[in-house]
Amino acid sequence: MFCNASKLDNQKLDAIKALEQELGKTLVAYSCSNPEPSILSDAELMKIKSLEEKLAVTLVAFK
């Protein structure tokens, strides 16, 4: 499963902002999916790992 921040239209964003005000809490909207991961060659994996180290991030390859 892969989750990322949701893309919200103004109506949804306004509803979330209203609930945040009511609760006095910050809310974060996520959407999840099940994309198929890519099969990587050793060379591709090494390139990805190198960039991960350089950028201090984790990268995930999908088809």
PDB file of N, CA and C in Angstrom:
ATOM      1  N   MET A   1       0.847  -1.168   0.000  1.00  0.00           N
ATOM      2  CA  MET A   1       0.000   0.000   0.000  1.00  0.00           C
ATOM      3  C   MET A   1       0.895   1.234   0.000  1.00  0.00           C
ATOM      4  N   PHE A   2       0.486   2.234  -0.760  1.00  0.00           N
ATOM      5  CA  PHE A   2       1.226   3.483  -0.873  1.00  0.00           C
ATOM      6  C   PHE A   2       0.274   4.630  -0.571  1.00  0.00           C
ATOM      7  N   CYS A   3       0.653   5.495   0.336  1.00  0.00           N
ATOM      8  CA  CYS A   3      -0.190   6.633   0.710  1.00  0.00           C
ATOM      9  C   CYS A   3       0.563   7.934   0.467  1.00  0.00           C
ATOM     10  N   ASN A   4      -0.188   8.948   0.036  1.00  0.00           N
ATOM     11  CA  ASN A   4       0.383  10.277  -0.118  1.00  0.00           C
ATOM     12  C   ASN A   4      -0.681  11.311   0.222  1.00  0.00           C
ATOM     13  N   ALA A   5      -0.263  12.557   0.289  1.00  0.00           N
ATOM     14  CA  ALA A   5      -1.198  13.629   0.619  1.00  0.00           C
ATOM     15  C   ALA A   5      -2.280  13.711  -0.458  1.00  0.00           C
ATOM     16  N   SER A   6      -3.522  13.856  -0.030  1.00  0.00           N
ATOM     17  CA  SER A   6      -4.653  13.915  -0.957  1.00  0.00           C
ATOM     18  C   SER A   6      -4.688  15.238  -1.705  1.00  0.00           C
ATOM     19  N   LYS A   7      -5.156  15.168  -2.947  1.00  0.00           N
ATOM     20  CA  LYS A   7      -5.436  16.378  -3.718  1.00  0.00           C
ATOM     21  C   LYS A   7      -6.900  16.705  -3.470  1.00  0.00           C
ATOM     22  N   LEU A   8      -7.144  17.878  -2.907  1.00  0.00           N
ATOM     23  CA  LEU A   8      -8.494  18.229  -2.478  1.00  0.00           C
ATOM     24  C   LEU A   8      -9.039  19.410  -3.264  1.00  0.00           C
ATOM     25  N   ASP A   9     -10.326  19.340  -3.617  1.00  0.00           N
ATOM     26  CA  ASP A   9     -10.965  20.511  -4.209  1.00  0.00           C
ATOM     27  C   ASP A   9     -11.308  21.477  -3.074  1.00  0.00           C
ATOM     28  N   ASN A  10     -11.734  22.678  -3.430  1.00  0.00           N
ATOM     29  CA  ASN A  10     -11.995  23.710  -2.422  1.00  0.00           C
ATOM     30  C   ASN A  10     -13.074  23.300  -1.429  1.00  0.00           C
ATOM     31  N   GLN A  11     -14.092  22.586  -1.881  1.00  0.00           N
ATOM     32  CA  GLN A  11     -15.175  22.160  -0.992  1.00  0.00           C
ATOM     33  C   GLN A  11     -14.652  21.208   0.087  1.00  0.00           C
ATOM     34  N   LYS A  12     -13.842  20.247  -0.307  1.00  0.00           N
ATOM     35  CA  LYS A  12     -13.282  19.304   0.663  1.00  0.00           C
ATOM     36  C   LYS A  12     -12.308  20.005   1.600  1.00  0.00           C
ATOM     37  N   LEU A  13     -11.496  20.893   1.042  1.00  0.00           N
ATOM     38  CA  LEU A  13     -10.536  21.628   1.859  1.00  0.00           C
ATOM     39  C   LEU A  13     -11.249  22.502   2.886  1.00  0.00           C
ATOM     40  N   ASP A  14     -12.320  23.163   2.469  1.00  0.00           N
ATOM     41  CA  ASP A  14     -13.092  23.989   3.398  1.00  0.00           C
ATOM     42  C   ASP A  14     -13.695  23.154   4.521  1.00  0.00           C
ATOM     43  N   ALA A  15     -14.193  21.951   4.201  1.00  0.00           N
ATOM     44  CA  ALA A  15     -14.772  21.075   5.224  1.00  0.00           C
ATOM     45  C   ALA A  15     -13.705  20.656   6.231  1.00  0.00           C
ATOM     46  N   ILE A  16     -12.512  20.359   5.747  1.00  0.00           N
ATOM     47  CA  ILE A  16     -11.419  19.967   6.646  1.00  0.00           C
ATOM     48  C   ILE A  16     -11.005  21.144   7.515  1.00  0.00           C
ATOM     49  N   LYS A  17     -10.887  22.331   6.912  1.00  0.00           N
ATOM     50  CA  LYS A  17     -10.514  23.522   7.681  1.00  0.00           C
ATOM     51  C   LYS A  17     -11.540  23.823   8.768  1.00  0.00           C
ATOM     52  N   ALA A  18     -12.821  23.649   8.455  1.00  0.00           N
ATOM     53  CA  ALA A  18     -13.872  23.893   9.444  1.00  0.00           C
ATOM     54  C   ALA A  18     -13.742  22.922  10.614  1.00  0.00           C
ATOM     55  N   LEU A  19     -13.484  21.656  10.323  1.00  0.00           N
ATOM     56  CA  LEU A  19     -13.328  20.671  11.393  1.00  0.00           C
ATOM     57  C   LEU A  19     -12.065  20.949  12.202  1.00  0.00           C
ATOM     58  N   GLU A  20     -10.999  21.382  11.541  1.00  0.00           N
ATOM     59  CA  GLU A  20      -9.777  21.752  12.266  1.00  0.00           C
ATOM     60  C   GLU A  20     -10.068  22.858  13.276  1.00  0.00           C
ATOM     61  N   GLN A  21     -10.821  23.866  12.831  1.00  0.00           N
ATOM     62  CA  GLN A  21     -11.158  24.968  13.743  1.00  0.00           C
ATOM     63  C   GLN A  21     -12.007  24.474  14.904  1.00  0.00           C
ATOM     64  N   GLU A  22     -12.978  23.635  14.603  1.00  0.00           N
ATOM     65  CA  GLU A  22     -13.867  23.103  15.639  1.00  0.00           C
ATOM     66  C   GLU A  22     -13.091  22.283  16.666  1.00  0.00           C
ATOM     67  N   LEU A  23     -12.167  21.465  16.203  1.00  0.00           N
ATOM     68  CA  LEU A  23     -11.416  20.577  17.091  1.00  0.00           C
ATOM     69  C   LEU A  23     -10.189  21.238  17.703  1.00  0.00           C
ATOM     70  N   GLY A  24      -9.704  22.302  17.067  1.00  0.00           N
ATOM     71  CA  GLY A  24      -8.457  22.916  17.513  1.00  0.00           C
ATOM     72  C   GLY A  24      -7.261  22.022  17.218  1.00  0.00           C
ATOM     73  N   LYS A  25      -7.372  21.224  16.181  1.00  0.00           N
ATOM     74  CA  LYS A  25      -6.324  20.267  15.796  1.00  0.00           C
ATOM     75  C   LYS A  25      -5.985  20.450  14.322  1.00  0.00           C
ATOM     76  N   THR A  26      -4.763  20.075  13.960  1.00  0.00           N
ATOM     77  CA  THR A  26      -4.361  20.042  12.559  1.00  0.00           C
ATOM     78  C   THR A  26      -4.687  18.673  11.987  1.00  0.00           C
ATOM     79  N   LEU A  27      -5.341  18.643  10.839  1.00  0.00           N
ATOM     80  CA  LEU A  27      -5.689  17.390  10.166  1.00  0.00           C
ATOM     81  C   LEU A  27      -4.913  17.291   8.858  1.00  0.00           C
ATOM     82  N   VAL A  28      -4.521  16.085   8.496  1.00  0.00           N
ATOM     83  CA  VAL A  28      -3.821  15.827   7.239  1.00  0.00           C
ATOM     84  C   VAL A  28      -4.611  14.765   6.482  1.00  0.00           C
ATOM     85  N   ALA A  29      -4.906  15.033   5.207  1.00  0.00           N
ATOM     86  CA  ALA A  29      -5.673  14.098   4.379  1.00  0.00           C
ATOM     87  C   ALA A  29      -4.723  13.260   3.529  1.00  0.00           C
ATOM     88  N   TYR A  30      -4.867  11.937   3.619  1.00  0.00           N
ATOM     89  CA  TYR A  30      -4.063  11.003   2.834  1.00  0.00           C
ATOM     90  C   TYR A  30      -4.967  10.159   1.956  1.00  0.00           C
ATOM     91  N   SER A  31      -4.455   9.797   0.796  1.00  0.00           N
ATOM     92  CA  SER A  31      -5.127   8.839  -0.087  1.00  0.00           C
ATOM     93  C   SER A  31      -4.172   7.673  -0.304  1.00  0.00           C
ATOM     94  N   CYS A  32      -4.708   6.462  -0.319  1.00  0.00           N
ATOM     95  CA  CYS A  32      -3.860   5.273  -0.453  1.00  0.00           C
ATOM     96  C   CYS A  32      -4.270   4.461  -1.682  1.00  0.00           C
ATOM     97  N   SER A  33      -3.282   3.776  -2.259  1.00  0.00           N
ATOM     98  CA  SER A  33      -3.521   2.906  -3.411  1.00  0.00           C
ATOM     99  C   SER A  33      -2.554   1.727  -3.329  1.00  0.00           C
ATOM    100  N   ASN A  34      -2.725   0.783  -4.218  1.00  0.00           N
ATOM    101  CA  ASN A  34      -1.861  -0.398  -4.263  1.00  0.00           C
ATOM    102  C   ASN A  34      -1.183  -0.509  -5.628  1.00  0.00           C
ATOM    103  N   PRO A  35      -0.274   0.417  -5.955  1.00  0.00           N
ATOM    104  CA  PRO A  35       0.399   0.335  -7.252  1.00  0.00           C
ATOM    105  C   PRO A  35       1.361  -0.848  -7.290  1.00  0.00           C
ATOM    106  N   GLU A  36       1.609  -1.346  -8.495  1.00  0.00           N
ATOM    107  CA  GLU A  36       2.506  -2.488  -8.659  1.00  0.00           C
ATOM    108  C   GLU A  36       3.955  -2.003  -8.676  1.00  0.00           C
ATOM    109  N   PRO A  37       4.794  -2.556  -7.810  1.00  0.00           N
ATOM    110  CA  PRO A  37       6.202  -2.125  -7.793  1.00  0.00           C
ATOM    111  C   PRO A  37       6.934  -2.601  -9.042  1.00  0.00           C
ATOM    112  N   SER A  38       7.953  -1.852  -9.424  1.00  0.00           N
ATOM    113  CA  SER A  38       8.785  -2.234 -10.567  1.00  0.00           C
ATOM    114  C   SER A  38       9.810  -3.277 -10.162  1.00  0.00           C
ATOM    115  N   ILE A  39      10.139  -4.141 -11.099  1.00  0.00           N
ATOM    116  CA  ILE A  39      11.254  -5.062 -10.911  1.00  0.00           C
ATOM    117  C   ILE A  39      12.483  -4.352 -11.452  1.00  0.00           C
ATOM    118  N   LEU A  40      13.515  -4.238 -10.631  1.00  0.00           N
ATOM    119  CA  LEU A  40      14.699  -3.457 -10.982  1.00  0.00           C
ATOM    120  C   LEU A  40      15.907  -4.341 -11.223  1.00  0.00           C
ATOM    121  N   SER A  41      16.723  -3.926 -12.159  1.00  0.00           N
ATOM    122  CA  SER A  41      18.011  -4.596 -12.358  1.00  0.00           C
ATOM    123  C   SER A  41      18.949  -4.147 -11.243  1.00  0.00           C
ATOM    124  N   ASP A  42      20.044  -4.851 -11.069  1.00  0.00           N
ATOM    125  CA  ASP A  42      21.026  -4.452 -10.059  1.00  0.00           C
ATOM    126  C   ASP A  42      21.546  -3.049 -10.336  1.00  0.00           C
ATOM    127  N   ALA A  43      21.765  -2.720 -11.607  1.00  0.00           N
ATOM    128  CA  ALA A  43      22.276  -1.396 -11.971  1.00  0.00           C
ATOM    129  C   ALA A  43      21.261  -0.307 -11.630  1.00  0.00           C
ATOM    130  N   GLU A  44      19.986  -0.567 -11.911  1.00  0.00           N
ATOM    131  CA  GLU A  44      18.943   0.412 -11.581  1.00  0.00           C
ATOM    132  C   GLU A  44      18.845   0.602 -10.075  1.00  0.00           C
ATOM    133  N   LEU A  45      18.898  -0.494  -9.341  1.00  0.00           N
ATOM    134  CA  LEU A  45      18.821  -0.428  -7.888  1.00  0.00           C
ATOM    135  C   LEU A  45      19.987   0.365  -7.311  1.00  0.00           C
ATOM    136  N   MET A  46      21.177   0.170  -7.849  1.00  0.00           N
ATOM    137  CA  MET A  46      22.346   0.915  -7.378  1.00  0.00           C
ATOM    138  C   MET A  46      22.181   2.410  -7.634  1.00  0.00           C
ATOM    139  N   LYS A  47      21.627   2.782  -8.794  1.00  0.00           N
ATOM    140  CA  LYS A  47      21.399   4.194  -9.105  1.00  0.00           C
ATOM    141  C   LYS A  47      20.387   4.805  -8.144  1.00  0.00           C
ATOM    142  N   ILE A  48      19.329   4.060  -7.858  1.00  0.00           N
ATOM    143  CA  ILE A  48      18.307   4.548  -6.929  1.00  0.00           C
ATOM    144  C   ILE A  48      18.899   4.710  -5.534  1.00  0.00           C
ATOM    145  N   LYS A  49      19.632   3.708  -5.060  1.00  0.00           N
ATOM    146  CA  LYS A  49      20.242   3.789  -3.730  1.00  0.00           C
ATOM    147  C   LYS A  49      21.205   4.959  -3.637  1.00  0.00           C
ATOM    148  N   SER A  50      21.962   5.204  -4.694  1.00  0.00           N
ATOM    149  CA  SER A  50      22.903   6.317  -4.710  1.00  0.00           C
ATOM    150  C   SER A  50      22.173   7.650  -4.578  1.00  0.00           C
ATOM    151  N   LEU A  51      21.084   7.810  -5.317  1.00  0.00           N
ATOM    152  CA  LEU A  51      20.321   9.052  -5.238  1.00  0.00           C
ATOM    153  C   LEU A  51      19.640   9.194  -3.881  1.00  0.00           C
ATOM    154  N   GLU A  52      19.157   8.093  -3.318  1.00  0.00           N
ATOM    155  CA  GLU A  52      18.561   8.133  -1.975  1.00  0.00           C
ATOM    156  C   GLU A  52      19.565   8.677  -0.965  1.00  0.00           C
ATOM    157  N   GLU A  53      20.788   8.170  -1.022  1.00  0.00           N
ATOM    158  CA  GLU A  53      21.821   8.624  -0.089  1.00  0.00           C
ATOM    159  C   GLU A  53      22.150  10.089  -0.308  1.00  0.00           C
ATOM    160  N   LYS A  54      22.249  10.498  -1.558  1.00  0.00           N
ATOM    161  CA  LYS A  54      22.584  11.886  -1.886  1.00  0.00           C
ATOM    162  C   LYS A  54      21.509  12.850  -1.393  1.00  0.00           C
ATOM    163  N   LEU A  55      20.234  12.468  -1.552  1.00  0.00           N
ATOM    164  CA  LEU A  55      19.119  13.349  -1.205  1.00  0.00           C
ATOM    165  C   LEU A  55      18.571  13.123   0.202  1.00  0.00           C
ATOM    166  N   ALA A  56      19.036  12.075   0.878  1.00  0.00           N
ATOM    167  CA  ALA A  56      18.537  11.708   2.213  1.00  0.00           C
ATOM    168  C   ALA A  56      17.020  11.484   2.181  1.00  0.00           C
ATOM    169  N   VAL A  57      16.582  10.700   1.187  1.00  0.00           N
ATOM    170  CA  VAL A  57      15.169  10.346   1.042  1.00  0.00           C
ATOM    171  C   VAL A  57      15.063   8.854   0.752  1.00  0.00           C
ATOM    172  N   THR A  58      13.847   8.338   0.772  1.00  0.00           N
ATOM    173  CA  THR A  58      13.580   6.972   0.347  1.00  0.00           C
ATOM    174  C   THR A  58      12.781   7.038  -0.944  1.00  0.00           C
ATOM    175  N   LEU A  59      13.235   6.327  -1.962  1.00  0.00           N
ATOM    176  CA  LEU A  59      12.555   6.296  -3.251  1.00  0.00           C
ATOM    177  C   LEU A  59      11.918   4.927  -3.463  1.00  0.00           C
ATOM    178  N   VAL A  60      10.759   4.906  -4.108  1.00  0.00           N
ATOM    179  CA  VAL A  60      10.058   3.669  -4.423  1.00  0.00           C
ATOM    180  C   VAL A  60       9.748   3.690  -5.915  1.00  0.00           C
ATOM    181  N   ALA A  61      10.096   2.622  -6.621  1.00  0.00           N
ATOM    182  CA  ALA A  61       9.862   2.545  -8.066  1.00  0.00           C
ATOM    183  C   ALA A  61       8.581   1.769  -8.353  1.00  0.00           C
ATOM    184  N   PHE A  62       7.686   2.377  -9.116  1.00  0.00           N
ATOM    185  CA  PHE A  62       6.439   1.742  -9.537  1.00  0.00           C
ATOM    186  C   PHE A  62       6.419   1.619 -11.046  1.00  0.00           C
ATOM    187  N   LYS A  63       5.626   0.676 -11.549  1.00  0.00           N
ATOM    188  CA  LYS A  63       5.447   0.513 -12.998  1.00  0.00           C
ATOM    189  C   LYS A  63       4.672   1.674 -13.546  1.00  0.00           C
TER     190      LYS A  63
END
